[in-house]
Amino acid sequence: MVDLILEWLEAGKNFEDIMDAYPNLSHKDISAAIGYARKSIEEKGSASIYKI
């Protein structure tokens, strides 16, 4: 579900869009998914950001 949330955010959707599509998710759930992704990147020691 974390990857799905990140895909929606990457596509320009906001928290409300995601919660409308997935009513079982709360603002807190989405924030937690973002936090999980951030921590995962930090644990790997680096992250690459590049222009497509």
PDB file of N, CA and C in Angstrom:
ATOM      1  N   MET A   1       0.827  -1.197   0.000  1.00  0.00           N
ATOM      2  CA  MET A   1       0.000   0.000   0.000  1.00  0.00           C
ATOM      3  C   MET A   1       0.867   1.254   0.000  1.00  0.00           C
ATOM      4  N   VAL A   2       2.057   1.188   0.593  1.00  0.00           N
ATOM      5  CA  VAL A   2       2.948   2.350   0.606  1.00  0.00           C
ATOM      6  C   VAL A   2       3.280   2.765  -0.823  1.00  0.00           C
ATOM      7  N   ASP A   3       3.587   1.782  -1.665  1.00  0.00           N
ATOM      8  CA  ASP A   3       3.934   2.116  -3.045  1.00  0.00           C
ATOM      9  C   ASP A   3       2.762   2.752  -3.778  1.00  0.00           C
ATOM     10  N   LEU A   4       1.562   2.299  -3.519  1.00  0.00           N
ATOM     11  CA  LEU A   4       0.369   2.872  -4.150  1.00  0.00           C
ATOM     12  C   LEU A   4       0.173   4.325  -3.726  1.00  0.00           C
ATOM     13  N   ILE A   5       0.327   4.584  -2.442  1.00  0.00           N
ATOM     14  CA  ILE A   5       0.188   5.955  -1.935  1.00  0.00           C
ATOM     15  C   ILE A   5       1.235   6.866  -2.572  1.00  0.00           C
ATOM     16  N   LEU A   6       2.470   6.394  -2.657  1.00  0.00           N
ATOM     17  CA  LEU A   6       3.527   7.200  -3.264  1.00  0.00           C
ATOM     18  C   LEU A   6       3.256   7.446  -4.745  1.00  0.00           C
ATOM     19  N   GLU A   7       2.732   6.445  -5.440  1.00  0.00           N
ATOM     20  CA  GLU A   7       2.384   6.626  -6.853  1.00  0.00           C
ATOM     21  C   GLU A   7       1.316   7.702  -7.019  1.00  0.00           C
ATOM     22  N   TRP A   8       0.306   7.672  -6.179  1.00  0.00           N
ATOM     23  CA  TRP A   8      -0.762   8.679  -6.249  1.00  0.00           C
ATOM     24  C   TRP A   8      -0.200  10.068  -5.991  1.00  0.00           C
ATOM     25  N   LEU A   9       0.651  10.193  -4.981  1.00  0.00           N
ATOM     26  CA  LEU A   9       1.249  11.495  -4.673  1.00  0.00           C
ATOM     27  C   LEU A   9       2.139  11.967  -5.812  1.00  0.00           C
ATOM     28  N   GLU A  10       2.895  11.054  -6.393  1.00  0.00           N
ATOM     29  CA  GLU A  10       3.751  11.392  -7.520  1.00  0.00           C
ATOM     30  C   GLU A  10       2.922  11.899  -8.707  1.00  0.00           C
ATOM     31  N   ALA A  11       1.729  11.346  -8.856  1.00  0.00           N
ATOM     32  CA  ALA A  11       0.836  11.740  -9.949  1.00  0.00           C
ATOM     33  C   ALA A  11       0.127  13.070  -9.682  1.00  0.00           C
ATOM     34  N   GLY A  12       0.405  13.668  -8.527  1.00  0.00           N
ATOM     35  CA  GLY A  12      -0.179  14.970  -8.219  1.00  0.00           C
ATOM     36  C   GLY A  12      -1.445  14.918  -7.396  1.00  0.00           C
ATOM     37  N   LYS A  13      -1.807  13.727  -6.941  1.00  0.00           N
ATOM     38  CA  LYS A  13      -2.995  13.596  -6.099  1.00  0.00           C
ATOM     39  C   LYS A  13      -2.662  14.082  -4.694  1.00  0.00           C
ATOM     40  N   ASN A  14      -3.673  14.539  -3.983  1.00  0.00           N
ATOM     41  CA  ASN A  14      -3.453  14.983  -2.610  1.00  0.00           C
ATOM     42  C   ASN A  14      -4.064  13.972  -1.634  1.00  0.00           C
ATOM     43  N   PHE A  15      -3.886  14.241  -0.359  1.00  0.00           N
ATOM     44  CA  PHE A  15      -4.378  13.317   0.663  1.00  0.00           C
ATOM     45  C   PHE A  15      -5.878  13.072   0.508  1.00  0.00           C
ATOM     46  N   GLU A  16      -6.631  14.128   0.225  1.00  0.00           N
ATOM     47  CA  GLU A  16      -8.085  14.003   0.111  1.00  0.00           C
ATOM     48  C   GLU A  16      -8.470  13.095  -1.052  1.00  0.00           C
ATOM     49  N   ASP A  17      -7.744  13.213  -2.184  1.00  0.00           N
ATOM     50  CA  ASP A  17      -7.995  12.341  -3.334  1.00  0.00           C
ATOM     51  C   ASP A  17      -7.797  10.874  -2.952  1.00  0.00           C
ATOM     52  N   ILE A  18      -6.727  10.620  -2.238  1.00  0.00           N
ATOM     53  CA  ILE A  18      -6.411   9.248  -1.841  1.00  0.00           C
ATOM     54  C   ILE A  18      -7.455   8.720  -0.858  1.00  0.00           C
ATOM     55  N   MET A  19      -7.834   9.548   0.100  1.00  0.00           N
ATOM     56  CA  MET A  19      -8.831   9.114   1.089  1.00  0.00           C
ATOM     57  C   MET A  19     -10.204   8.923   0.447  1.00  0.00           C
ATOM     58  N   ASP A  20     -10.523   9.689  -0.587  1.00  0.00           N
ATOM     59  CA  ASP A  20     -11.785   9.486  -1.307  1.00  0.00           C
ATOM     60  C   ASP A  20     -11.787   8.141  -2.027  1.00  0.00           C
ATOM     61  N   ALA A  21     -10.641   7.796  -2.619  1.00  0.00           N
ATOM     62  CA  ALA A  21     -10.530   6.534  -3.356  1.00  0.00           C
ATOM     63  C   ALA A  21     -10.424   5.333  -2.418  1.00  0.00           C
ATOM     64  N   TYR A  22      -9.837   5.550  -1.252  1.00  0.00           N
ATOM     65  CA  TYR A  22      -9.639   4.484  -0.261  1.00  0.00           C
ATOM     66  C   TYR A  22     -10.158   4.980   1.082  1.00  0.00           C
ATOM     67  N   PRO A  23     -11.462   4.900   1.293  1.00  0.00           N
ATOM     68  CA  PRO A  23     -12.072   5.458   2.510  1.00  0.00           C
ATOM     69  C   PRO A  23     -11.553   4.868   3.821  1.00  0.00           C
ATOM     70  N   ASN A  24     -10.938   3.705   3.739  1.00  0.00           N
ATOM     71  CA  ASN A  24     -10.404   3.093   4.965  1.00  0.00           C
ATOM     72  C   ASN A  24      -9.090   3.736   5.403  1.00  0.00           C
ATOM     73  N   LEU A  25      -8.488   4.583   4.542  1.00  0.00           N
ATOM     74  CA  LEU A  25      -7.250   5.271   4.901  1.00  0.00           C
ATOM     75  C   LEU A  25      -7.541   6.623   5.531  1.00  0.00           C
ATOM     76  N   SER A  26      -6.741   6.961   6.503  1.00  0.00           N
ATOM     77  CA  SER A  26      -6.859   8.268   7.154  1.00  0.00           C
ATOM     78  C   SER A  26      -5.644   9.126   6.791  1.00  0.00           C
ATOM     79  N   HIS A  27      -5.716  10.375   7.132  1.00  0.00           N
ATOM     80  CA  HIS A  27      -4.590  11.297   6.931  1.00  0.00           C
ATOM     81  C   HIS A  27      -3.354  10.729   7.639  1.00  0.00           C
ATOM     82  N   LYS A  28      -3.569  10.207   8.821  1.00  0.00           N
ATOM     83  CA  LYS A  28      -2.471   9.629   9.606  1.00  0.00           C
ATOM     84  C   LYS A  28      -1.843   8.428   8.883  1.00  0.00           C
ATOM     85  N   ASP A  29      -2.667   7.597   8.246  1.00  0.00           N
ATOM     86  CA  ASP A  29      -2.158   6.441   7.504  1.00  0.00           C
ATOM     87  C   ASP A  29      -1.258   6.878   6.346  1.00  0.00           C
ATOM     88  N   ILE A  30      -1.686   7.894   5.620  1.00  0.00           N
ATOM     89  CA  ILE A  30      -0.918   8.380   4.477  1.00  0.00           C
ATOM     90  C   ILE A  30       0.390   8.995   4.952  1.00  0.00           C
ATOM     91  N   SER A  31       0.338   9.767   6.005  1.00  0.00           N
ATOM     92  CA  SER A  31       1.555  10.345   6.580  1.00  0.00           C
ATOM     93  C   SER A  31       2.509   9.251   7.038  1.00  0.00           C
ATOM     94  N   ALA A  32       1.970   8.194   7.615  1.00  0.00           N
ATOM     95  CA  ALA A  32       2.799   7.082   8.069  1.00  0.00           C
ATOM     96  C   ALA A  32       3.473   6.388   6.885  1.00  0.00           C
ATOM     97  N   ALA A  33       2.767   6.264   5.780  1.00  0.00           N
ATOM     98  CA  ALA A  33       3.347   5.650   4.578  1.00  0.00           C
ATOM     99  C   ALA A  33       4.514   6.481   4.060  1.00  0.00           C
ATOM    100  N   ILE A  34       4.354   7.785   4.062  1.00  0.00           N
ATOM    101  CA  ILE A  34       5.430   8.681   3.629  1.00  0.00           C
ATOM    102  C   ILE A  34       6.612   8.563   4.587  1.00  0.00           C
ATOM    103  N   GLY A  35       6.342   8.522   5.867  1.00  0.00           N
ATOM    104  CA  GLY A  35       7.403   8.362   6.866  1.00  0.00           C
ATOM    105  C   GLY A  35       8.147   7.050   6.708  1.00  0.00           C
ATOM    106  N   TYR A  36       7.411   5.991   6.412  1.00  0.00           N
ATOM    107  CA  TYR A  36       8.026   4.683   6.199  1.00  0.00           C
ATOM    108  C   TYR A  36       8.965   4.729   4.990  1.00  0.00           C
ATOM    109  N   ALA A  37       8.497   5.349   3.919  1.00  0.00           N
ATOM    110  CA  ALA A  37       9.325   5.451   2.718  1.00  0.00           C
ATOM    111  C   ALA A  37      10.593   6.262   3.003  1.00  0.00           C
ATOM    112  N   ARG A  38      10.442   7.363   3.742  1.00  0.00           N
ATOM    113  CA  ARG A  38      11.594   8.192   4.088  1.00  0.00           C
ATOM    114  C   ARG A  38      12.604   7.409   4.910  1.00  0.00           C
ATOM    115  N   LYS A  39      12.122   6.682   5.904  1.00  0.00           N
ATOM    116  CA  LYS A  39      13.024   5.900   6.755  1.00  0.00           C
ATOM    117  C   LYS A  39      13.719   4.805   5.963  1.00  0.00           C
ATOM    118  N   SER A  40      13.002   4.195   5.031  1.00  0.00           N
ATOM    119  CA  SER A  40      13.596   3.151   4.191  1.00  0.00           C
ATOM    120  C   SER A  40      14.748   3.706   3.368  1.00  0.00           C
ATOM    121  N   ILE A  41      14.562   4.910   2.836  1.00  0.00           N
ATOM    122  CA  ILE A  41      15.620   5.552   2.053  1.00  0.00           C
ATOM    123  C   ILE A  41      16.798   5.904   2.947  1.00  0.00           C
ATOM    124  N   GLU A  42      16.519   6.431   4.126  1.00  0.00           N
ATOM    125  CA  GLU A  42      17.589   6.793   5.058  1.00  0.00           C
ATOM    126  C   GLU A  42      18.419   5.573   5.437  1.00  0.00           C
ATOM    127  N   GLU A  43      17.765   4.439   5.650  1.00  0.00           N
ATOM    128  CA  GLU A  43      18.472   3.222   6.049  1.00  0.00           C
ATOM    129  C   GLU A  43      19.402   2.719   4.952  1.00  0.00           C
ATOM    130  N   LYS A  44      19.060   2.984   3.710  1.00  0.00           N
ATOM    131  CA  LYS A  44      19.914   2.566   2.600  1.00  0.00           C
ATOM    132  C   LYS A  44      21.129   3.473   2.471  1.00  0.00           C
ATOM    133  N   GLY A  45      21.087   4.631   3.094  1.00  0.00           N
ATOM    134  CA  GLY A  45      22.238   5.523   3.124  1.00  0.00           C
ATOM    135  C   GLY A  45      22.300   6.534   2.003  1.00  0.00           C
ATOM    136  N   SER A  46      21.453   6.392   1.014  1.00  0.00           N
ATOM    137  CA  SER A  46      21.462   7.383  -0.058  1.00  0.00           C
ATOM    138  C   SER A  46      20.160   7.310  -0.842  1.00  0.00           C
ATOM    139  N   ALA A  47      19.937   8.349  -1.567  1.00  0.00           N
ATOM    140  CA  ALA A  47      18.780   8.401  -2.458  1.00  0.00           C
ATOM    141  C   ALA A  47      19.182   9.234  -3.661  1.00  0.00           C
ATOM    142  N   SER A  48      18.798   8.779  -4.799  1.00  0.00           N
ATOM    143  CA  SER A  48      19.090   9.508  -6.015  1.00  0.00           C
ATOM    144  C   SER A  48      17.829  10.211  -6.506  1.00  0.00           C
ATOM    145  N   ILE A  49      17.999  11.459  -6.809  1.00  0.00           N
ATOM    146  CA  ILE A  49      16.909  12.221  -7.411  1.00  0.00           C
ATOM    147  C   ILE A  49      17.423  12.658  -8.773  1.00  0.00           C
ATOM    148  N   TYR A  50      16.681  12.311  -9.779  1.00  0.00           N
ATOM    149  CA  TYR A  50      17.106  12.653 -11.114  1.00  0.00           C
ATOM    150  C   TYR A  50      15.926  13.126 -11.937  1.00  0.00           C
ATOM    151  N   LYS A  51      16.244  13.895 -12.940  1.00  0.00           N
ATOM    152  CA  LYS A  51      15.215  14.433 -13.816  1.00  0.00           C
ATOM    153  C   LYS A  51      14.953  13.427 -14.935  1.00  0.00           C
ATOM    154  N   ILE A  52      13.698  13.169 -15.160  1.00  0.00           N
ATOM    155  CA  ILE A  52      13.325  12.230 -16.226  1.00  0.00           C
ATOM    156  C   ILE A  52      13.091  12.994 -17.499  1.00  0.00           C
TER     157      ILE A  52
END
